[in-house]
Amino acid sequence: MRNDFEPRSIGMVLQELIADLGIGPKLEEAKTLETWASLAGERINKHTRRTWIKGGRLYVSVSSSVWRHELHLQRSQWLRRLNKALDSDVVTEIIFR
C-alpha cells in the first residue's frame, strides 16, 4: 500500500493524474499533431489546411493535388521521421488528402 505522504516527483504525480483523467490518448494526439507541424515546416504548413488523427492514421488535408502528390510520394520517409521524433510507432500511416 502506498503511503500518500511519501514525497513523489512532479513527473510521477502528472503521470498518475493523466491516467486518472483518461486524457493520455488526447495528449498523444496533440503531441503528434504538433510534431508533424514542426517536422513539416513553414513551407509545407502553408499548403496544409488541417490535420487530424484517427486509429493511428495521420490525415493531412493539402491545398492542391500537386502538393498532395509530392507529399504522397514521400509518405514513408515522413512516417519514419515522425515516429522517430515521437520516439514511438504511434502513427501507422499518413494519408494526404
PDB file of N, CA and C in Angstrom:
ATOM      1  N   MET A   1       0.840  -1.184   0.000  1.00  0.00           N
ATOM      2  CA  MET A   1       0.000   0.000   0.000  1.00  0.00           C
ATOM      3  C   MET A   1       0.882   1.243   0.000  1.00  0.00           C
ATOM      4  N   ARG A   2       0.562   2.166  -0.850  1.00  0.00           N
ATOM      5  CA  ARG A   2       1.354   3.378  -0.977  1.00  0.00           C
ATOM      6  C   ARG A   2       0.980   4.374   0.114  1.00  0.00           C
ATOM      7  N   ASN A   3       1.989   4.952   0.703  1.00  0.00           N
ATOM      8  CA  ASN A   3       1.769   5.989   1.693  1.00  0.00           C
ATOM      9  C   ASN A   3       1.600   7.311   0.946  1.00  0.00           C
ATOM     10  N   ASP A   4       0.440   7.949   1.045  1.00  0.00           N
ATOM     11  CA  ASP A   4       0.165   9.186   0.318  1.00  0.00           C
ATOM     12  C   ASP A   4       0.997  10.358   0.804  1.00  0.00           C
ATOM     13  N   PHE A   5       1.720  10.171   1.891  1.00  0.00           N
ATOM     14  CA  PHE A   5       2.528  11.258   2.414  1.00  0.00           C
ATOM     15  C   PHE A   5       4.003  11.131   2.025  1.00  0.00           C
ATOM     16  N   GLU A   6       4.325  10.114   1.235  1.00  0.00           N
ATOM     17  CA  GLU A   6       5.701   9.973   0.753  1.00  0.00           C
ATOM     18  C   GLU A   6       5.929  10.981  -0.370  1.00  0.00           C
ATOM     19  N   PRO A   7       7.084  11.597  -0.404  1.00  0.00           N
ATOM     20  CA  PRO A   7       7.370  12.542  -1.483  1.00  0.00           C
ATOM     21  C   PRO A   7       7.450  11.810  -2.829  1.00  0.00           C
ATOM     22  N   ARG A   8       6.898  12.451  -3.856  1.00  0.00           N
ATOM     23  CA  ARG A   8       6.934  11.896  -5.214  1.00  0.00           C
ATOM     24  C   ARG A   8       7.348  13.005  -6.167  1.00  0.00           C
ATOM     25  N   SER A   9       7.942  12.605  -7.259  1.00  0.00           N
ATOM     26  CA  SER A   9       8.358  13.603  -8.241  1.00  0.00           C
ATOM     27  C   SER A   9       7.123  14.172  -8.936  1.00  0.00           C
ATOM     28  N   ILE A  10       7.262  15.384  -9.454  1.00  0.00           N
ATOM     29  CA  ILE A  10       6.151  16.014 -10.166  1.00  0.00           C
ATOM     30  C   ILE A  10       5.787  15.196 -11.405  1.00  0.00           C
ATOM     31  N   GLY A  11       6.788  14.582 -12.029  1.00  0.00           N
ATOM     32  CA  GLY A  11       6.531  13.730 -13.194  1.00  0.00           C
ATOM     33  C   GLY A  11       5.629  12.561 -12.850  1.00  0.00           C
ATOM     34  N   MET A  12       5.883  11.943 -11.704  1.00  0.00           N
ATOM     35  CA  MET A  12       5.065  10.807 -11.250  1.00  0.00           C
ATOM     36  C   MET A  12       3.638  11.264 -10.959  1.00  0.00           C
ATOM     37  N   VAL A  13       3.512  12.398 -10.310  1.00  0.00           N
ATOM     38  CA  VAL A  13       2.180  12.931  -9.991  1.00  0.00           C
ATOM     39  C   VAL A  13       1.410  13.230 -11.284  1.00  0.00           C
ATOM     40  N   LEU A  14       2.092  13.846 -12.250  1.00  0.00           N
ATOM     41  CA  LEU A  14       1.432  14.164 -13.523  1.00  0.00           C
ATOM     42  C   LEU A  14       1.010  12.903 -14.272  1.00  0.00           C
ATOM     43  N   GLN A  15       1.866  11.884 -14.288  1.00  0.00           N
ATOM     44  CA  GLN A  15       1.509  10.623 -14.938  1.00  0.00           C
ATOM     45  C   GLN A  15       0.256  10.014 -14.310  1.00  0.00           C
ATOM     46  N   GLU A  16       0.190  10.029 -13.002  1.00  0.00           N
ATOM     47  CA  GLU A  16      -0.982   9.493 -12.306  1.00  0.00           C
ATOM     48  C   GLU A  16      -2.229  10.311 -12.620  1.00  0.00           C
ATOM     49  N   LEU A  17      -2.084  11.628 -12.650  1.00  0.00           N
ATOM     50  CA  LEU A  17      -3.212  12.500 -12.953  1.00  0.00           C
ATOM     51  C   LEU A  17      -3.721  12.269 -14.372  1.00  0.00           C
ATOM     52  N   ILE A  18      -2.813  12.165 -15.322  1.00  0.00           N
ATOM     53  CA  ILE A  18      -3.189  11.903 -16.713  1.00  0.00           C
ATOM     54  C   ILE A  18      -3.920  10.574 -16.826  1.00  0.00           C
ATOM     55  N   ALA A  19      -3.415   9.561 -16.147  1.00  0.00           N
ATOM     56  CA  ALA A  19      -4.070   8.249 -16.166  1.00  0.00           C
ATOM     57  C   ALA A  19      -5.450   8.314 -15.513  1.00  0.00           C
ATOM     58  N   ASP A  20      -5.544   8.992 -14.365  1.00  0.00           N
ATOM     59  CA  ASP A  20      -6.825   9.097 -13.659  1.00  0.00           C
ATOM     60  C   ASP A  20      -7.869   9.844 -14.483  1.00  0.00           C
ATOM     61  N   LEU A  21      -7.431  10.871 -15.201  1.00  0.00           N
ATOM     62  CA  LEU A  21      -8.366  11.663 -16.017  1.00  0.00           C
ATOM     63  C   LEU A  21      -8.668  11.013 -17.364  1.00  0.00           C
ATOM     64  N   GLY A  22      -7.855  10.033 -17.751  1.00  0.00           N
ATOM     65  CA  GLY A  22      -8.077   9.341 -19.019  1.00  0.00           C
ATOM     66  C   GLY A  22      -7.783  10.210 -20.239  1.00  0.00           C
ATOM     67  N   ILE A  23      -6.848  11.137 -20.100  1.00  0.00           N
ATOM     68  CA  ILE A  23      -6.562  12.052 -21.208  1.00  0.00           C
ATOM     69  C   ILE A  23      -5.274  11.705 -21.949  1.00  0.00           C
ATOM     70  N   GLY A  24      -4.682  10.579 -21.642  1.00  0.00           N
ATOM     71  CA  GLY A  24      -3.440  10.164 -22.286  1.00  0.00           C
ATOM     72  C   GLY A  24      -3.540  10.118 -23.808  1.00  0.00           C
ATOM     73  N   PRO A  25      -4.571   9.473 -24.357  1.00  0.00           N
ATOM     74  CA  PRO A  25      -4.687   9.428 -25.820  1.00  0.00           C
ATOM     75  C   PRO A  25      -4.824  10.810 -26.467  1.00  0.00           C
ATOM     76  N   LYS A  26      -5.542  11.706 -25.851  1.00  0.00           N
ATOM     77  CA  LYS A  26      -5.691  13.057 -26.403  1.00  0.00           C
ATOM     78  C   LYS A  26      -4.370  13.826 -26.346  1.00  0.00           C
ATOM     79  N   LEU A  27      -3.610  13.617 -25.285  1.00  0.00           N
ATOM     80  CA  LEU A  27      -2.302  14.262 -25.188  1.00  0.00           C
ATOM     81  C   LEU A  27      -1.357  13.719 -26.259  1.00  0.00           C
ATOM     82  N   GLU A  28      -1.396  12.410 -26.499  1.00  0.00           N
ATOM     83  CA  GLU A  28      -0.575  11.802 -27.552  1.00  0.00           C
ATOM     84  C   GLU A  28      -0.962  12.367 -28.919  1.00  0.00           C
ATOM     85  N   GLU A  29      -2.263  12.530 -29.145  1.00  0.00           N
ATOM     86  CA  GLU A  29      -2.744  13.085 -30.404  1.00  0.00           C
ATOM     87  C   GLU A  29      -2.226  14.513 -30.589  1.00  0.00           C
ATOM     88  N   ALA A  30      -2.337  15.322 -29.555  1.00  0.00           N
ATOM     89  CA  ALA A  30      -1.870  16.708 -29.633  1.00  0.00           C
ATOM     90  C   ALA A  30      -0.359  16.755 -29.880  1.00  0.00           C
ATOM     91  N   LYS A  31       0.376  15.896 -29.204  1.00  0.00           N
ATOM     92  CA  LYS A  31       1.828  15.843 -29.382  1.00  0.00           C
ATOM     93  C   LYS A  31       2.169  15.445 -30.816  1.00  0.00           C
ATOM     94  N   THR A  32       1.428  14.489 -31.370  1.00  0.00           N
ATOM     95  CA  THR A  32       1.670  14.035 -32.736  1.00  0.00           C
ATOM     96  C   THR A  32       1.408  15.150 -33.737  1.00  0.00           C
ATOM     97  N   LEU A  33       0.301  15.856 -33.573  1.00  0.00           N
ATOM     98  CA  LEU A  33      -0.033  16.946 -34.492  1.00  0.00           C
ATOM     99  C   LEU A  33       0.995  18.070 -34.404  1.00  0.00           C
ATOM    100  N   GLU A  34       1.430  18.379 -33.207  1.00  0.00           N
ATOM    101  CA  GLU A  34       2.443  19.418 -33.016  1.00  0.00           C
ATOM    102  C   GLU A  34       3.777  18.992 -33.640  1.00  0.00           C
ATOM    103  N   THR A  35       4.127  17.731 -33.466  1.00  0.00           N
ATOM    104  CA  THR A  35       5.382  17.219 -34.027  1.00  0.00           C
ATOM    105  C   THR A  35       5.324  17.226 -35.551  1.00  0.00           C
ATOM    106  N   TRP A  36       4.175  16.834 -36.115  1.00  0.00           N
ATOM    107  CA  TRP A  36       4.021  16.883 -37.569  1.00  0.00           C
ATOM    108  C   TRP A  36       4.236  18.309 -38.077  1.00  0.00           C
ATOM    109  N   ALA A  37       3.583  19.269 -37.458  1.00  0.00           N
ATOM    110  CA  ALA A  37       3.700  20.663 -37.895  1.00  0.00           C
ATOM    111  C   ALA A  37       5.149  21.131 -37.818  1.00  0.00           C
ATOM    112  N   SER A  38       5.856  20.726 -36.791  1.00  0.00           N
ATOM    113  CA  SER A  38       7.249  21.107 -36.624  1.00  0.00           C
ATOM    114  C   SER A  38       8.124  20.473 -37.703  1.00  0.00           C
ATOM    115  N   LEU A  39       7.914  19.189 -37.963  1.00  0.00           N
ATOM    116  CA  LEU A  39       8.694  18.492 -38.989  1.00  0.00           C
ATOM    117  C   LEU A  39       8.390  19.017 -40.391  1.00  0.00           C
ATOM    118  N   ALA A  40       7.120  19.277 -40.653  1.00  0.00           N
ATOM    119  CA  ALA A  40       6.715  19.721 -41.988  1.00  0.00           C
ATOM    120  C   ALA A  40       7.313  21.080 -42.312  1.00  0.00           C
ATOM    121  N   GLY A  41       7.403  21.925 -41.332  1.00  0.00           N
ATOM    122  CA  GLY A  41       7.989  23.243 -41.546  1.00  0.00           C
ATOM    123  C   GLY A  41       7.024  24.240 -42.167  1.00  0.00           C
ATOM    124  N   GLU A  42       7.473  25.459 -42.221  1.00  0.00           N
ATOM    125  CA  GLU A  42       6.625  26.572 -42.681  1.00  0.00           C
ATOM    126  C   GLU A  42       6.154  26.391 -44.123  1.00  0.00           C
ATOM    127  N   ARG A  43       7.038  25.954 -44.992  1.00  0.00           N
ATOM    128  CA  ARG A  43       6.688  25.817 -46.416  1.00  0.00           C
ATOM    129  C   ARG A  43       5.518  24.852 -46.634  1.00  0.00           C
ATOM    130  N   ILE A  44       5.589  23.685 -46.033  1.00  0.00           N
ATOM    131  CA  ILE A  44       4.523  22.696 -46.199  1.00  0.00           C
ATOM    132  C   ILE A  44       3.289  23.109 -45.412  1.00  0.00           C
ATOM    133  N   ASN A  45       3.475  23.652 -44.236  1.00  0.00           N
ATOM    134  CA  ASN A  45       2.325  24.080 -43.430  1.00  0.00           C
ATOM    135  C   ASN A  45       1.493  25.152 -44.136  1.00  0.00           C
ATOM    136  N   LYS A  46       2.113  25.932 -44.997  1.00  0.00           N
ATOM    137  CA  LYS A  46       1.363  26.930 -45.771  1.00  0.00           C
ATOM    138  C   LYS A  46       0.367  26.271 -46.721  1.00  0.00           C
ATOM    139  N   HIS A  47       0.653  25.032 -47.110  1.00  0.00           N
ATOM    140  CA  HIS A  47      -0.194  24.318 -48.064  1.00  0.00           C
ATOM    141  C   HIS A  47      -1.043  23.237 -47.400  1.00  0.00           C
ATOM    142  N   THR A  48      -1.063  23.249 -46.086  1.00  0.00           N
ATOM    143  CA  THR A  48      -1.839  22.280 -45.321  1.00  0.00           C
ATOM    144  C   THR A  48      -3.025  23.001 -44.682  1.00  0.00           C
ATOM    145  N   ARG A  49      -4.213  22.465 -44.898  1.00  0.00           N
ATOM    146  CA  ARG A  49      -5.400  23.106 -44.330  1.00  0.00           C
ATOM    147  C   ARG A  49      -5.715  22.610 -42.932  1.00  0.00           C
ATOM    148  N   ARG A  50      -5.595  21.316 -42.709  1.00  0.00           N
ATOM    149  CA  ARG A  50      -5.820  20.775 -41.359  1.00  0.00           C
ATOM    150  C   ARG A  50      -5.257  19.371 -41.265  1.00  0.00           C
ATOM    151  N   THR A  51      -5.022  18.929 -40.039  1.00  0.00           N
ATOM    152  CA  THR A  51      -4.534  17.582 -39.780  1.00  0.00           C
ATOM    153  C   THR A  51      -5.342  16.995 -38.629  1.00  0.00           C
ATOM    154  N   TRP A  52      -5.506  15.698 -38.666  1.00  0.00           N
ATOM    155  CA  TRP A  52      -6.181  15.007 -37.571  1.00  0.00           C
ATOM    156  C   TRP A  52      -5.721  13.562 -37.542  1.00  0.00           C
ATOM    157  N   ILE A  53      -5.993  12.899 -36.432  1.00  0.00           N
ATOM    158  CA  ILE A  53      -5.592  11.501 -36.242  1.00  0.00           C
ATOM    159  C   ILE A  53      -6.818  10.665 -35.936  1.00  0.00           C
ATOM    160  N   LYS A  54      -6.851   9.504 -36.542  1.00  0.00           N
ATOM    161  CA  LYS A  54      -7.912   8.553 -36.241  1.00  0.00           C
ATOM    162  C   LYS A  54      -7.348   7.146 -36.436  1.00  0.00           C
ATOM    163  N   GLY A  55      -7.399   6.358 -35.380  1.00  0.00           N
ATOM    164  CA  GLY A  55      -6.957   4.967 -35.461  1.00  0.00           C
ATOM    165  C   GLY A  55      -5.510   4.776 -35.896  1.00  0.00           C
ATOM    166  N   GLY A  56      -4.623   5.625 -35.434  1.00  0.00           N
ATOM    167  CA  GLY A  56      -3.220   5.500 -35.784  1.00  0.00           C
ATOM    168  C   GLY A  56      -2.861   6.088 -37.140  1.00  0.00           C
ATOM    169  N   ARG A  57      -3.844   6.603 -37.829  1.00  0.00           N
ATOM    170  CA  ARG A  57      -3.599   7.227 -39.132  1.00  0.00           C
ATOM    171  C   ARG A  57      -3.603   8.740 -38.985  1.00  0.00           C
ATOM    172  N   LEU A  58      -2.578   9.363 -39.555  1.00  0.00           N
ATOM    173  CA  LEU A  58      -2.493  10.810 -39.577  1.00  0.00           C
ATOM    174  C   LEU A  58      -3.027  11.274 -40.922  1.00  0.00           C
ATOM    175  N   TYR A  59      -4.081  12.079 -40.885  1.00  0.00           N
ATOM    176  CA  TYR A  59      -4.669  12.637 -42.101  1.00  0.00           C
ATOM    177  C   TYR A  59      -4.198  14.073 -42.246  1.00  0.00           C
ATOM    178  N   VAL A  60      -3.707  14.400 -43.430  1.00  0.00           N
ATOM    179  CA  VAL A  60      -3.230  15.746 -43.716  1.00  0.00           C
ATOM    180  C   VAL A  60      -3.987  16.247 -44.934  1.00  0.00           C
ATOM    181  N   SER A  61      -4.778  17.283 -44.738  1.00  0.00           N
ATOM    182  CA  SER A  61      -5.532  17.890 -45.829  1.00  0.00           C
ATOM    183  C   SER A  61      -4.638  18.932 -46.494  1.00  0.00           C
ATOM    184  N   VAL A  62      -4.394  18.740 -47.792  1.00  0.00           N
ATOM    185  CA  VAL A  62      -3.447  19.574 -48.532  1.00  0.00           C
ATOM    186  C   VAL A  62      -4.213  20.450 -49.521  1.00  0.00           C
ATOM    187  N   SER A  63      -3.679  21.647 -49.776  1.00  0.00           N
ATOM    188  CA  SER A  63      -4.399  22.651 -50.570  1.00  0.00           C
ATOM    189  C   SER A  63      -4.472  22.360 -52.063  1.00  0.00           C
ATOM    190  N   SER A  64      -3.584  21.522 -52.592  1.00  0.00           N
ATOM    191  CA  SER A  64      -3.632  21.250 -54.028  1.00  0.00           C
ATOM    192  C   SER A  64      -3.219  19.817 -54.327  1.00  0.00           C
ATOM    193  N   SER A  65      -3.630  19.358 -55.491  1.00  0.00           N
ATOM    194  CA  SER A  65      -3.289  17.995 -55.896  1.00  0.00           C
ATOM    195  C   SER A  65      -1.788  17.850 -56.150  1.00  0.00           C
ATOM    196  N   VAL A  66      -1.137  18.913 -56.565  1.00  0.00           N
ATOM    197  CA  VAL A  66       0.304  18.872 -56.797  1.00  0.00           C
ATOM    198  C   VAL A  66       1.038  18.616 -55.481  1.00  0.00           C
ATOM    199  N   TRP A  67       0.682  19.361 -54.441  1.00  0.00           N
ATOM    200  CA  TRP A  67       1.296  19.152 -53.133  1.00  0.00           C
ATOM    201  C   TRP A  67       0.937  17.777 -52.576  1.00  0.00           C
ATOM    202  N   ARG A  68      -0.302  17.372 -52.761  1.00  0.00           N
ATOM    203  CA  ARG A  68      -0.718  16.057 -52.263  1.00  0.00           C
ATOM    204  C   ARG A  68       0.115  14.962 -52.915  1.00  0.00           C
ATOM    205  N   HIS A  69       0.302  15.046 -54.216  1.00  0.00           N
ATOM    206  CA  HIS A  69       1.089  14.038 -54.938  1.00  0.00           C
ATOM    207  C   HIS A  69       2.537  14.021 -54.447  1.00  0.00           C
ATOM    208  N   GLU A  70       3.137  15.187 -54.314  1.00  0.00           N
ATOM    209  CA  GLU A  70       4.521  15.297 -53.858  1.00  0.00           C
ATOM    210  C   GLU A  70       4.694  14.686 -52.464  1.00  0.00           C
ATOM    211  N   LEU A  71       3.807  15.037 -51.553  1.00  0.00           N
ATOM    212  CA  LEU A  71       3.885  14.501 -50.191  1.00  0.00           C
ATOM    213  C   LEU A  71       3.583  13.009 -50.160  1.00  0.00           C
ATOM    214  N   HIS A  72       2.643  12.581 -50.985  1.00  0.00           N
ATOM    215  CA  HIS A  72       2.282  11.165 -51.040  1.00  0.00           C
ATOM    216  C   HIS A  72       3.490  10.316 -51.456  1.00  0.00           C
ATOM    217  N   LEU A  73       4.267  10.807 -52.406  1.00  0.00           N
ATOM    218  CA  LEU A  73       5.445  10.067 -52.855  1.00  0.00           C
ATOM    219  C   LEU A  73       6.476   9.916 -51.741  1.00  0.00           C
ATOM    220  N   GLN A  74       6.467  10.833 -50.794  1.00  0.00           N
ATOM    221  CA  GLN A  74       7.443  10.818 -49.698  1.00  0.00           C
ATOM    222  C   GLN A  74       6.850  10.314 -48.381  1.00  0.00           C
ATOM    223  N   ARG A  75       5.670   9.730 -48.429  1.00  0.00           N
ATOM    224  CA  ARG A  75       4.969   9.408 -47.176  1.00  0.00           C
ATOM    225  C   ARG A  75       5.715   8.427 -46.279  1.00  0.00           C
ATOM    226  N   SER A  76       6.443   7.462 -46.855  1.00  0.00           N
ATOM    227  CA  SER A  76       7.161   6.514 -45.987  1.00  0.00           C
ATOM    228  C   SER A  76       8.301   7.224 -45.247  1.00  0.00           C
ATOM    229  N   GLN A  77       8.956   8.176 -45.905  1.00  0.00           N
ATOM    230  CA  GLN A  77      10.007   8.944 -45.219  1.00  0.00           C
ATOM    231  C   GLN A  77       9.399   9.818 -44.122  1.00  0.00           C
ATOM    232  N   TRP A  78       8.258  10.454 -44.427  1.00  0.00           N
ATOM    233  CA  TRP A  78       7.577  11.271 -43.421  1.00  0.00           C
ATOM    234  C   TRP A  78       7.172  10.417 -42.215  1.00  0.00           C
ATOM    235  N   LEU A  79       6.669   9.228 -42.487  1.00  0.00           N
ATOM    236  CA  LEU A  79       6.237   8.338 -41.403  1.00  0.00           C
ATOM    237  C   LEU A  79       7.414   7.962 -40.509  1.00  0.00           C
ATOM    238  N   ARG A  80       8.538   7.610 -41.109  1.00  0.00           N
ATOM    239  CA  ARG A  80       9.724   7.259 -40.314  1.00  0.00           C
ATOM    240  C   ARG A  80      10.203   8.455 -39.485  1.00  0.00           C
ATOM    241  N   ARG A  81      10.272   9.614 -40.109  1.00  0.00           N
ATOM    242  CA  ARG A  81      10.727  10.813 -39.395  1.00  0.00           C
ATOM    243  C   ARG A  81       9.794  11.163 -38.235  1.00  0.00           C
ATOM    244  N   LEU A  82       8.492  11.064 -38.492  1.00  0.00           N
ATOM    245  CA  LEU A  82       7.519  11.414 -37.459  1.00  0.00           C
ATOM    246  C   LEU A  82       7.613  10.462 -36.276  1.00  0.00           C
ATOM    247  N   ASN A  83       7.597   9.174 -36.533  1.00  0.00           N
ATOM    248  CA  ASN A  83       7.668   8.203 -35.439  1.00  0.00           C
ATOM    249  C   ASN A  83       9.001   8.279 -34.701  1.00  0.00           C
ATOM    250  N   LYS A  84      10.074   8.587 -35.411  1.00  0.00           N
ATOM    251  CA  LYS A  84      11.370   8.757 -34.746  1.00  0.00           C
ATOM    252  C   LYS A  84      11.326   9.965 -33.819  1.00  0.00           C
ATOM    253  N   ALA A  85      10.745  11.059 -34.294  1.00  0.00           N
ATOM    254  CA  ALA A  85      10.632  12.261 -33.464  1.00  0.00           C
ATOM    255  C   ALA A  85       9.747  12.022 -32.245  1.00  0.00           C
ATOM    256  N   LEU A  86       8.722  11.185 -32.408  1.00  0.00           N
ATOM    257  CA  LEU A  86       7.814  10.868 -31.303  1.00  0.00           C
ATOM    258  C   LEU A  86       8.386   9.790 -30.386  1.00  0.00           C
ATOM    259  N   ASP A  87       9.429   9.134 -30.846  1.00  0.00           N
ATOM    260  CA  ASP A  87      10.062   8.045 -30.113  1.00  0.00           C
ATOM    261  C   ASP A  87       9.086   6.894 -29.855  1.00  0.00           C
ATOM    262  N   SER A  88       8.191   6.672 -30.831  1.00  0.00           N
ATOM    263  CA  SER A  88       7.266   5.532 -30.768  1.00  0.00           C
ATOM    264  C   SER A  88       6.626   5.353 -32.137  1.00  0.00           C
ATOM    265  N   ASP A  89       5.982   4.238 -32.334  1.00  0.00           N
ATOM    266  CA  ASP A  89       5.305   3.966 -33.602  1.00  0.00           C
ATOM    267  C   ASP A  89       3.815   4.237 -33.480  1.00  0.00           C
ATOM    268  N   VAL A  90       3.472   5.385 -32.938  1.00  0.00           N
ATOM    269  CA  VAL A  90       2.074   5.735 -32.708  1.00  0.00           C
ATOM    270  C   VAL A  90       1.322   5.946 -34.024  1.00  0.00           C
ATOM    271  N   VAL A  91       2.015   6.437 -35.057  1.00  0.00           N
ATOM    272  CA  VAL A  91       1.375   6.661 -36.354  1.00  0.00           C
ATOM    273  C   VAL A  91       1.710   5.482 -37.260  1.00  0.00           C
ATOM    274  N   THR A  92       0.679   4.828 -37.784  1.00  0.00           N
ATOM    275  CA  THR A  92       0.877   3.666 -38.641  1.00  0.00           C
ATOM    276  C   THR A  92       0.832   4.014 -40.125  1.00  0.00           C
ATOM    277  N   GLU A  93       0.211   5.154 -40.444  1.00  0.00           N
ATOM    278  CA  GLU A  93       0.057   5.555 -41.841  1.00  0.00           C
ATOM    279  C   GLU A  93      -0.203   7.057 -41.902  1.00  0.00           C
ATOM    280  N   ILE A  94       0.293   7.679 -42.973  1.00  0.00           N
ATOM    281  CA  ILE A  94      -0.015   9.091 -43.229  1.00  0.00           C
ATOM    282  C   ILE A  94      -0.793   9.152 -44.525  1.00  0.00           C
ATOM    283  N   ILE A  95      -1.935   9.793 -44.473  1.00  0.00           N
ATOM    284  CA  ILE A  95      -2.800   9.922 -45.643  1.00  0.00           C
ATOM    285  C   ILE A  95      -2.915  11.391 -45.989  1.00  0.00           C
ATOM    286  N   PHE A  96      -2.501  11.723 -47.209  1.00  0.00           N
ATOM    287  CA  PHE A  96      -2.596  13.093 -47.696  1.00  0.00           C
ATOM    288  C   PHE A  96      -3.851  13.199 -48.543  1.00  0.00           C
ATOM    289  N   ARG A  97      -4.700  14.176 -48.220  1.00  0.00           N
ATOM    290  CA  ARG A  97      -5.974  14.365 -48.935  1.00  0.00           C
ATOM    291  C   ARG A  97      -6.033  15.727 -49.550  1.00  0.00           C
TER     292      ARG A  97
END
